[in-house]
N, C-alpha and C. Protein backbone atom coordinates (compact mmCIF):
# COMPACT_ATOMS: atom_id res chain seq x y z
N UNK A 1 0.82 -1.19 0.00
CA UNK A 1 0.00 0.00 0.00
C UNK A 1 0.87 1.26 0.00
N UNK A 2 1.97 1.21 0.77
CA UNK A 2 2.86 2.36 0.83
C UNK A 2 3.51 2.62 -0.52
N UNK A 3 3.83 1.57 -1.26
CA UNK A 3 4.44 1.72 -2.58
C UNK A 3 3.47 2.40 -3.55
N UNK A 4 2.20 2.06 -3.46
CA UNK A 4 1.19 2.68 -4.32
C UNK A 4 1.08 4.16 -4.01
N UNK A 5 1.07 4.48 -2.72
CA UNK A 5 1.00 5.89 -2.30
C UNK A 5 2.20 6.67 -2.82
N UNK A 6 3.38 6.10 -2.70
CA UNK A 6 4.60 6.78 -3.18
C UNK A 6 4.58 6.94 -4.70
N UNK A 7 4.02 5.95 -5.40
CA UNK A 7 3.89 6.03 -6.85
C UNK A 7 2.97 7.19 -7.25
N UNK A 8 1.85 7.30 -6.57
CA UNK A 8 0.89 8.38 -6.85
C UNK A 8 1.55 9.73 -6.61
N UNK A 9 2.24 9.88 -5.52
CA UNK A 9 2.89 11.15 -5.19
C UNK A 9 3.99 11.47 -6.19
N UNK A 10 4.78 10.49 -6.58
CA UNK A 10 5.85 10.76 -7.55
C UNK A 10 5.26 11.13 -8.92
N UNK A 11 4.14 10.52 -9.30
CA UNK A 11 3.46 10.89 -10.54
C UNK A 11 2.95 12.33 -10.47
N UNK A 12 2.41 12.69 -9.35
CA UNK A 12 1.92 14.06 -9.14
C UNK A 12 3.08 15.06 -9.16
N UNK A 13 4.21 14.70 -8.58
CA UNK A 13 5.40 15.56 -8.61
C UNK A 13 5.86 15.77 -10.05
N UNK A 14 5.85 14.71 -10.84
CA UNK A 14 6.23 14.83 -12.27
C UNK A 14 5.31 15.80 -13.00
N UNK A 15 4.00 15.67 -12.75
CA UNK A 15 3.04 16.58 -13.40
C UNK A 15 3.29 18.02 -13.00
N UNK A 16 3.53 18.26 -11.72
CA UNK A 16 3.74 19.62 -11.24
C UNK A 16 5.05 20.20 -11.78
N UNK A 17 6.08 19.38 -11.89
CA UNK A 17 7.35 19.84 -12.45
C UNK A 17 7.24 20.16 -13.94
N UNK A 18 6.39 19.43 -14.65
CA UNK A 18 6.23 19.63 -16.09
C UNK A 18 5.35 20.83 -16.42
N UNK A 19 4.64 21.34 -15.44
CA UNK A 19 3.69 22.43 -15.68
C UNK A 19 4.20 23.73 -15.09
N UNK A 20 4.09 24.84 -15.83
CA UNK A 20 4.49 26.13 -15.27
C UNK A 20 3.46 26.70 -14.29
N UNK A 21 2.29 26.05 -14.22
CA UNK A 21 1.24 26.54 -13.34
C UNK A 21 0.44 25.39 -12.74
N UNK A 22 -0.31 25.73 -11.70
CA UNK A 22 -1.26 24.80 -11.09
C UNK A 22 -2.42 25.63 -10.56
N UNK A 23 -3.63 25.14 -10.78
CA UNK A 23 -4.83 25.80 -10.26
C UNK A 23 -5.55 24.79 -9.38
N UNK A 24 -5.92 25.22 -8.18
CA UNK A 24 -6.66 24.37 -7.25
C UNK A 24 -8.14 24.71 -7.39
N UNK A 25 -8.96 23.70 -7.72
CA UNK A 25 -10.39 23.92 -7.89
C UNK A 25 -11.18 23.03 -6.95
N UNK A 26 -12.35 23.53 -6.56
CA UNK A 26 -13.30 22.76 -5.77
C UNK A 26 -14.37 22.24 -6.73
N UNK A 27 -14.46 20.95 -6.86
CA UNK A 27 -15.39 20.36 -7.82
C UNK A 27 -16.56 19.65 -7.12
N UNK A 28 -16.78 19.92 -5.86
CA UNK A 28 -17.72 19.15 -5.05
C UNK A 28 -19.14 19.12 -5.59
N UNK A 29 -19.59 20.17 -6.25
CA UNK A 29 -20.98 20.22 -6.71
C UNK A 29 -21.16 19.69 -8.13
N UNK A 30 -20.10 19.27 -8.78
CA UNK A 30 -20.20 18.80 -10.17
C UNK A 30 -20.69 17.36 -10.24
N UNK A 31 -21.49 17.10 -11.26
CA UNK A 31 -21.87 15.71 -11.55
C UNK A 31 -20.73 15.06 -12.34
N UNK A 32 -20.80 13.77 -12.50
CA UNK A 32 -19.78 13.05 -13.24
C UNK A 32 -19.74 13.54 -14.69
N UNK A 33 -20.90 13.75 -15.30
CA UNK A 33 -20.96 14.23 -16.68
C UNK A 33 -20.36 15.63 -16.81
N UNK A 34 -20.66 16.49 -15.85
CA UNK A 34 -20.09 17.84 -15.88
C UNK A 34 -18.57 17.80 -15.72
N UNK A 35 -18.09 16.93 -14.84
CA UNK A 35 -16.66 16.81 -14.63
C UNK A 35 -15.98 16.30 -15.91
N UNK A 36 -16.61 15.38 -16.59
CA UNK A 36 -16.05 14.86 -17.84
C UNK A 36 -16.04 15.94 -18.92
N UNK A 37 -17.08 16.77 -18.96
CA UNK A 37 -17.12 17.89 -19.90
C UNK A 37 -15.99 18.86 -19.62
N UNK A 38 -15.77 19.16 -18.34
CA UNK A 38 -14.66 20.03 -17.95
C UNK A 38 -13.33 19.44 -18.38
N UNK A 39 -13.16 18.17 -18.16
CA UNK A 39 -11.92 17.49 -18.53
C UNK A 39 -11.64 17.62 -20.03
N UNK A 40 -12.68 17.44 -20.86
CA UNK A 40 -12.53 17.55 -22.31
C UNK A 40 -12.18 18.98 -22.71
N UNK A 41 -12.85 19.96 -22.11
CA UNK A 41 -12.56 21.36 -22.43
C UNK A 41 -11.14 21.74 -22.05
N UNK A 42 -10.65 21.22 -20.94
CA UNK A 42 -9.28 21.52 -20.52
C UNK A 42 -8.26 20.85 -21.44
N UNK A 43 -8.54 19.65 -21.89
CA UNK A 43 -7.63 18.97 -22.81
C UNK A 43 -7.51 19.77 -24.10
N UNK A 44 -8.62 20.37 -24.55
CA UNK A 44 -8.61 21.17 -25.78
C UNK A 44 -7.67 22.37 -25.67
N UNK A 45 -7.45 22.89 -24.46
CA UNK A 45 -6.54 24.04 -24.31
C UNK A 45 -5.18 23.63 -23.74
N UNK A 46 -4.88 22.34 -23.76
CA UNK A 46 -3.56 21.87 -23.35
C UNK A 46 -3.39 21.71 -21.85
N UNK A 47 -4.47 21.49 -21.13
CA UNK A 47 -4.39 21.33 -19.68
C UNK A 47 -5.10 20.04 -19.28
N UNK A 48 -4.96 19.69 -18.02
CA UNK A 48 -5.63 18.50 -17.50
C UNK A 48 -6.02 18.71 -16.06
N UNK A 49 -7.07 18.02 -15.64
CA UNK A 49 -7.53 18.11 -14.26
C UNK A 49 -7.30 16.75 -13.60
N UNK A 50 -6.77 16.79 -12.37
CA UNK A 50 -6.39 15.57 -11.68
C UNK A 50 -6.96 15.60 -10.27
N UNK A 51 -7.70 14.55 -9.93
CA UNK A 51 -8.24 14.42 -8.58
C UNK A 51 -7.28 13.56 -7.78
N UNK A 52 -6.92 14.05 -6.61
CA UNK A 52 -6.01 13.31 -5.75
C UNK A 52 -6.34 13.63 -4.29
N UNK A 53 -5.84 12.81 -3.41
CA UNK A 53 -6.04 13.10 -1.98
C UNK A 53 -5.27 14.38 -1.62
N UNK A 54 -5.86 15.18 -0.76
CA UNK A 54 -5.22 16.43 -0.37
C UNK A 54 -3.87 16.21 0.29
N UNK A 55 -3.73 15.15 1.05
CA UNK A 55 -2.45 14.90 1.71
C UNK A 55 -1.36 14.60 0.67
N UNK A 56 -1.72 13.90 -0.41
CA UNK A 56 -0.76 13.65 -1.48
C UNK A 56 -0.38 14.96 -2.18
N UNK A 57 -1.40 15.78 -2.43
CA UNK A 57 -1.15 17.07 -3.10
C UNK A 57 -0.24 17.95 -2.25
N UNK A 58 -0.45 17.95 -0.95
CA UNK A 58 0.40 18.75 -0.05
C UNK A 58 1.84 18.26 -0.09
N UNK A 59 2.02 16.96 -0.04
CA UNK A 59 3.38 16.41 -0.08
C UNK A 59 4.07 16.72 -1.41
N UNK A 60 3.33 16.62 -2.51
CA UNK A 60 3.90 16.92 -3.82
C UNK A 60 4.23 18.41 -3.94
N UNK A 61 3.36 19.27 -3.40
CA UNK A 61 3.60 20.72 -3.45
C UNK A 61 4.87 21.09 -2.68
N UNK A 62 5.08 20.46 -1.56
CA UNK A 62 6.29 20.70 -0.78
C UNK A 62 7.52 20.22 -1.57
N UNK A 63 7.38 19.07 -2.22
CA UNK A 63 8.51 18.49 -2.95
C UNK A 63 8.95 19.35 -4.14
N UNK A 64 8.03 20.11 -4.73
CA UNK A 64 8.38 20.94 -5.89
C UNK A 64 8.54 22.42 -5.51
N UNK A 65 8.68 22.69 -4.24
CA UNK A 65 8.93 24.04 -3.73
C UNK A 65 7.85 25.05 -4.08
N UNK A 66 6.60 24.65 -3.96
CA UNK A 66 5.51 25.60 -4.14
C UNK A 66 5.35 26.39 -2.84
N UNK A 67 4.71 27.56 -2.91
CA UNK A 67 4.51 28.33 -1.68
C UNK A 67 3.74 27.51 -0.64
N UNK A 68 4.15 27.63 0.61
CA UNK A 68 3.52 26.86 1.68
C UNK A 68 2.05 27.20 1.86
N UNK A 69 1.66 28.43 1.48
CA UNK A 69 0.28 28.88 1.66
C UNK A 69 -0.70 28.07 0.82
N UNK A 70 -0.22 27.37 -0.20
CA UNK A 70 -1.12 26.60 -1.06
C UNK A 70 -1.81 25.50 -0.26
N UNK A 71 -1.19 25.04 0.82
CA UNK A 71 -1.78 23.98 1.65
C UNK A 71 -3.11 24.40 2.25
N UNK A 72 -3.30 25.71 2.47
CA UNK A 72 -4.57 26.21 3.02
C UNK A 72 -5.74 25.91 2.10
N UNK A 73 -5.48 25.81 0.81
CA UNK A 73 -6.54 25.64 -0.18
C UNK A 73 -6.76 24.17 -0.54
N UNK A 74 -5.97 23.29 0.03
CA UNK A 74 -6.07 21.87 -0.26
C UNK A 74 -6.88 21.16 0.82
N UNK A 75 -8.19 21.39 0.78
CA UNK A 75 -9.10 20.73 1.71
C UNK A 75 -10.43 20.52 1.00
N UNK A 76 -11.18 19.55 1.46
CA UNK A 76 -12.44 19.24 0.80
C UNK A 76 -12.20 18.50 -0.50
N UNK A 77 -13.18 18.56 -1.39
CA UNK A 77 -13.04 17.90 -2.69
C UNK A 77 -12.24 18.82 -3.61
N UNK A 78 -11.00 18.45 -3.81
CA UNK A 78 -10.06 19.29 -4.53
C UNK A 78 -9.53 18.56 -5.76
N UNK A 79 -9.41 19.32 -6.83
CA UNK A 79 -8.76 18.82 -8.03
C UNK A 79 -7.67 19.81 -8.42
N UNK A 80 -6.62 19.30 -9.02
CA UNK A 80 -5.52 20.14 -9.47
C UNK A 80 -5.54 20.23 -10.99
N UNK A 81 -5.46 21.44 -11.50
CA UNK A 81 -5.42 21.65 -12.93
C UNK A 81 -4.00 22.09 -13.29
N UNK A 82 -3.38 21.33 -14.18
CA UNK A 82 -2.03 21.65 -14.65
C UNK A 82 -2.04 21.63 -16.17
N UNK A 83 -1.02 22.22 -16.74
CA UNK A 83 -0.92 22.23 -18.19
C UNK A 83 0.49 22.55 -18.63
N UNK A 84 0.72 22.41 -19.90
CA UNK A 84 2.05 22.65 -20.42
C UNK A 84 2.15 23.98 -21.15
N UNK A 85 1.03 24.68 -21.32
CA UNK A 85 1.06 25.86 -22.17
C UNK A 85 0.62 27.13 -21.44
N UNK A 86 -0.59 27.54 -21.69
CA UNK A 86 -1.06 28.88 -21.37
C UNK A 86 -2.02 28.87 -20.19
N UNK A 87 -1.63 29.52 -19.08
CA UNK A 87 -2.51 29.60 -17.93
C UNK A 87 -3.73 30.47 -18.22
N UNK A 88 -3.58 31.46 -19.08
CA UNK A 88 -4.71 32.35 -19.40
C UNK A 88 -5.84 31.57 -20.05
N UNK A 89 -5.51 30.72 -21.02
CA UNK A 89 -6.53 29.91 -21.69
C UNK A 89 -7.18 28.93 -20.71
N UNK A 90 -6.35 28.35 -19.85
CA UNK A 90 -6.88 27.41 -18.85
C UNK A 90 -7.80 28.12 -17.87
N UNK A 91 -7.38 29.27 -17.37
CA UNK A 91 -8.22 30.04 -16.44
C UNK A 91 -9.53 30.47 -17.11
N UNK A 92 -9.46 30.79 -18.40
CA UNK A 92 -10.67 31.18 -19.14
C UNK A 92 -11.64 30.02 -19.23
N UNK A 93 -11.13 28.81 -19.50
CA UNK A 93 -11.99 27.63 -19.56
C UNK A 93 -12.66 27.41 -18.21
N UNK A 94 -11.88 27.52 -17.14
CA UNK A 94 -12.44 27.33 -15.79
C UNK A 94 -13.49 28.39 -15.46
N UNK A 95 -13.20 29.63 -15.81
CA UNK A 95 -14.14 30.73 -15.54
C UNK A 95 -15.43 30.55 -16.34
N UNK A 96 -15.29 30.22 -17.62
CA UNK A 96 -16.47 30.01 -18.47
C UNK A 96 -17.29 28.81 -17.99
N UNK A 97 -16.60 27.76 -17.55
CA UNK A 97 -17.30 26.59 -17.03
C UNK A 97 -18.07 26.95 -15.77
N UNK A 98 -17.48 27.80 -14.95
CA UNK A 98 -18.16 28.27 -13.73
C UNK A 98 -19.43 29.04 -14.10
N UNK A 99 -19.34 29.89 -15.14
CA UNK A 99 -20.52 30.65 -15.57
C UNK A 99 -21.63 29.71 -16.05
N UNK A 100 -21.24 28.65 -16.76
CA UNK A 100 -22.23 27.71 -17.30
C UNK A 100 -22.89 26.89 -16.20
N UNK A 101 -22.10 26.39 -15.28
CA UNK A 101 -22.63 25.44 -14.30
C UNK A 101 -22.91 26.07 -12.94
N UNK A 102 -22.24 27.17 -12.64
CA UNK A 102 -22.32 27.83 -11.33
C UNK A 102 -21.95 26.88 -10.19
N UNK A 103 -21.04 25.94 -10.49
CA UNK A 103 -20.69 24.94 -9.48
C UNK A 103 -19.20 24.80 -9.23
N UNK A 104 -18.38 25.28 -10.12
CA UNK A 104 -16.93 25.10 -9.98
C UNK A 104 -16.33 26.33 -9.33
N UNK A 105 -15.38 26.13 -8.44
CA UNK A 105 -14.74 27.26 -7.77
C UNK A 105 -13.23 27.17 -7.92
N UNK A 106 -12.63 28.23 -8.46
CA UNK A 106 -11.17 28.32 -8.49
C UNK A 106 -10.74 28.88 -7.13
N UNK A 107 -10.06 28.08 -6.36
CA UNK A 107 -9.65 28.53 -5.02
C UNK A 107 -8.38 29.36 -5.06
N UNK A 108 -7.37 28.83 -5.72
CA UNK A 108 -6.05 29.50 -5.77
C UNK A 108 -5.24 28.85 -6.88
N UNK A 109 -4.09 29.42 -7.12
CA UNK A 109 -3.21 28.86 -8.13
C UNK A 109 -1.77 29.21 -7.84
N UNK A 110 -0.88 28.61 -8.59
CA UNK A 110 0.54 28.90 -8.50
C UNK A 110 1.04 29.08 -9.93
N UNK A 111 1.74 30.18 -10.15
CA UNK A 111 2.34 30.46 -11.46
C UNK A 111 3.78 30.86 -11.23
N UNK A 112 4.69 30.09 -11.79
CA UNK A 112 6.12 30.35 -11.65
C UNK A 112 6.53 30.53 -10.19
N UNK A 113 5.99 29.68 -9.31
CA UNK A 113 6.36 29.70 -7.91
C UNK A 113 5.68 30.76 -7.06
N UNK A 114 4.75 31.52 -7.64
CA UNK A 114 4.04 32.57 -6.89
C UNK A 114 2.58 32.16 -6.70
N UNK A 115 2.07 32.39 -5.50
CA UNK A 115 0.68 32.08 -5.19
C UNK A 115 -0.25 33.09 -5.84
N UNK A 116 -1.32 32.60 -6.45
CA UNK A 116 -2.32 33.46 -7.08
C UNK A 116 -3.66 33.27 -6.38
N UNK A 117 -4.34 34.37 -6.12
CA UNK A 117 -5.68 34.29 -5.53
C UNK A 117 -6.69 34.00 -6.63
N UNK A 118 -7.93 33.73 -6.24
CA UNK A 118 -8.97 33.48 -7.24
C UNK A 118 -9.24 34.73 -8.06
N UNK A 119 -9.11 35.92 -7.45
CA UNK A 119 -9.28 37.17 -8.20
C UNK A 119 -8.19 37.32 -9.27
N UNK A 120 -6.97 36.97 -8.92
CA UNK A 120 -5.88 37.04 -9.89
C UNK A 120 -6.07 36.03 -11.03
N UNK A 121 -6.61 34.86 -10.69
CA UNK A 121 -6.90 33.87 -11.73
C UNK A 121 -7.99 34.38 -12.67
N UNK A 122 -9.01 35.05 -12.11
CA UNK A 122 -10.06 35.62 -12.94
C UNK A 122 -9.51 36.72 -13.84
N UNK A 123 -8.55 37.50 -13.33
CA UNK A 123 -7.92 38.54 -14.15
C UNK A 123 -7.13 37.91 -15.30
N UNK A 124 -6.45 36.81 -15.03
CA UNK A 124 -5.73 36.11 -16.09
C UNK A 124 -6.70 35.55 -17.13
N UNK A 125 -7.87 35.12 -16.67
CA UNK A 125 -8.87 34.58 -17.60
C UNK A 125 -9.39 35.65 -18.54
N UNK A 126 -9.33 36.91 -18.13
CA UNK A 126 -9.81 38.01 -18.97
C UNK A 126 -8.81 38.37 -20.07
N UNK A 127 -7.56 37.94 -19.92
CA UNK A 127 -6.54 38.24 -20.93
C UNK A 127 -6.78 37.39 -22.18
N UNK A 128 -6.38 37.91 -23.34
CA UNK A 128 -6.48 37.09 -24.55
C UNK A 128 -5.50 35.92 -24.48
N UNK A 129 -5.74 34.89 -25.29
CA UNK A 129 -4.81 33.76 -25.31
C UNK A 129 -3.41 34.19 -25.76
N UNK A 130 -2.43 33.36 -25.45
CA UNK A 130 -1.03 33.68 -25.72
C UNK A 130 -0.78 33.97 -27.20
N UNK A 131 -1.41 33.22 -28.10
CA UNK A 131 -1.21 33.45 -29.54
C UNK A 131 -1.67 34.84 -29.95
N UNK A 132 -2.78 35.29 -29.40
CA UNK A 132 -3.29 36.63 -29.71
C UNK A 132 -2.35 37.69 -29.15
N UNK A 133 -1.85 37.48 -27.94
CA UNK A 133 -0.91 38.43 -27.35
C UNK A 133 0.37 38.51 -28.18
N UNK A 134 0.86 37.38 -28.66
CA UNK A 134 2.06 37.38 -29.50
C UNK A 134 1.81 38.14 -30.80
N UNK A 135 0.64 37.94 -31.41
CA UNK A 135 0.31 38.63 -32.66
C UNK A 135 0.22 40.14 -32.43
N UNK A 136 -0.38 40.54 -31.30
CA UNK A 136 -0.46 41.97 -30.98
C UNK A 136 0.93 42.56 -30.77
N UNK A 137 1.79 41.84 -30.08
CA UNK A 137 3.16 42.30 -29.87
C UNK A 137 3.91 42.43 -31.18
N UNK A 138 3.76 41.44 -32.04
CA UNK A 138 4.43 41.48 -33.33
C UNK A 138 3.94 42.66 -34.16
N UNK A 139 2.62 42.91 -34.14
CA UNK A 139 2.07 44.06 -34.86
C UNK A 139 2.61 45.37 -34.32
N UNK A 140 2.75 45.46 -33.01
CA UNK A 140 3.29 46.67 -32.39
C UNK A 140 4.75 46.87 -32.77
N UNK A 141 5.51 45.79 -32.80
CA UNK A 141 6.93 45.88 -33.16
C UNK A 141 7.12 46.21 -34.64
N UNK A 142 6.25 45.71 -35.49
CA UNK A 142 6.38 45.94 -36.93
C UNK A 142 5.92 47.33 -37.34
N UNK A 143 5.03 47.92 -36.60
CA UNK A 143 4.47 49.22 -36.98
C UNK A 143 5.53 50.31 -37.14
N UNK A 144 6.43 50.52 -36.19
CA UNK A 144 7.45 51.55 -36.38
C UNK A 144 8.37 51.27 -37.58
N UNK A 145 8.68 50.02 -37.81
CA UNK A 145 9.57 49.67 -38.93
C UNK A 145 8.90 49.99 -40.26
N UNK A 146 7.63 49.66 -40.42
CA UNK A 146 6.96 49.93 -41.69
C UNK A 146 6.77 51.43 -41.89
N UNK A 147 6.52 52.18 -40.83
CA UNK A 147 6.42 53.64 -40.92
C UNK A 147 7.77 54.23 -41.34
N UNK A 148 8.84 53.72 -40.78
CA UNK A 148 10.18 54.19 -41.11
C UNK A 148 10.50 53.94 -42.59
N UNK A 149 10.16 52.76 -43.08
CA UNK A 149 10.41 52.43 -44.48
C UNK A 149 9.60 53.35 -45.39
N UNK A 150 8.34 53.63 -45.04
CA UNK A 150 7.52 54.54 -45.83
C UNK A 150 8.14 55.93 -45.87
N UNK A 151 8.64 56.41 -44.75
CA UNK A 151 9.27 57.74 -44.69
C UNK A 151 10.53 57.79 -45.55
N UNK A 152 11.30 56.70 -45.55
CA UNK A 152 12.50 56.66 -46.37
C UNK A 152 12.17 56.66 -47.87
N UNK A 153 11.10 56.02 -48.25
CA UNK A 153 10.71 55.93 -49.65
C UNK A 153 10.00 57.18 -50.16
N UNK A 154 9.48 57.99 -49.26
CA UNK A 154 8.68 59.15 -49.66
C UNK A 154 9.45 60.14 -50.54
N UNK A 155 10.67 60.57 -50.23
CA UNK A 155 11.36 61.52 -51.12
C UNK A 155 11.56 60.96 -52.52
N UNK A 156 11.92 59.70 -52.63
CA UNK A 156 12.14 59.10 -53.95
C UNK A 156 10.84 59.02 -54.73
N UNK A 157 9.76 58.63 -54.08
CA UNK A 157 8.48 58.53 -54.80
C UNK A 157 7.96 59.92 -55.15
N UNK A 158 8.22 60.92 -54.29
CA UNK A 158 7.83 62.30 -54.62
C UNK A 158 8.58 62.79 -55.84
N UNK A 159 9.87 62.52 -55.93
CA UNK A 159 10.67 62.91 -57.09
C UNK A 159 10.17 62.22 -58.35
N UNK A 160 9.81 60.95 -58.23
CA UNK A 160 9.30 60.20 -59.39
C UNK A 160 7.98 60.81 -59.87
N UNK A 161 7.12 61.20 -58.94
CA UNK A 161 5.84 61.83 -59.33
C UNK A 161 6.09 63.15 -60.07
N UNK A 162 7.03 63.96 -59.57
CA UNK A 162 7.34 65.24 -60.20
C UNK A 162 7.88 65.03 -61.61
N UNK A 163 8.79 64.07 -61.76
CA UNK A 163 9.35 63.78 -63.07
C UNK A 163 8.30 63.27 -64.05
N UNK A 164 7.38 62.42 -63.56
CA UNK A 164 6.31 61.89 -64.39
C UNK A 164 5.40 63.02 -64.87
N UNK A 165 5.06 63.93 -63.95
CA UNK A 165 4.19 65.07 -64.31
C UNK A 165 4.91 65.99 -65.31
N UNK A 166 6.19 66.21 -65.12
CA UNK A 166 7.00 67.03 -66.03
C UNK A 166 7.01 66.41 -67.41
N UNK A 167 7.16 65.07 -67.46
CA UNK A 167 7.19 64.37 -68.72
C UNK A 167 5.85 64.43 -69.44
N UNK A 168 4.75 64.38 -68.68
CA UNK A 168 3.42 64.45 -69.26
C UNK A 168 3.14 65.85 -69.80
N UNK A 169 3.68 66.88 -69.17
CA UNK A 169 3.46 68.26 -69.59
C UNK A 169 4.30 68.60 -70.81
N UNK A 170 5.49 68.05 -70.89
CA UNK A 170 6.48 68.45 -71.87
C UNK A 170 6.26 67.93 -73.22
C-alpha cells in the first residue's frame, strides 16, 4: 500500500514539475458528466484536471517548492489543474465553465512559484490567449519599422511623381 501511495505522489510531482502553473479547484458540486465535460474542455486548451487526496497534493507541493500557503486551499473535494502551455486559456476555460454550471470554484493557483488568488486567476482569464498576445506584440513591433520604411521611400516617390508630371506636360 505504501508503494502505491509513493507512486501516486511521484506521478503528481512529475506533473507539477512539467507544468508552469497549477490551479486548485473545488469540484464538489459537479456531476460526473459535468466533470467529464470540464476534462474535455481543458484537454482542448492543453491542460488537464487531476483528482487526488489532499495529503498527497500537499506532499507533492512541498517536494516541488511551491509556496507553503497553497496547503490552506487543499481541503475538501479538490482537483488540481495543470498544463504545459497557457494559464490564461486554462483560467478562461475554468471561468467560463463556472458561468455555465455555477458549481466550480477556483480557489487558488501557483504560477512560476508565486501564489495566485482566485481574483488574480479571474484577471488572467480576462486576458487574450497567448497566440493573440504574440500577434499583438508582433504588430506593435512591426508598426514603427513599416512607418520608417515609408518615410525613407517618400522623397524618392515624390521625385518620381514630379518627373512623371514634367514628362506628361512636356
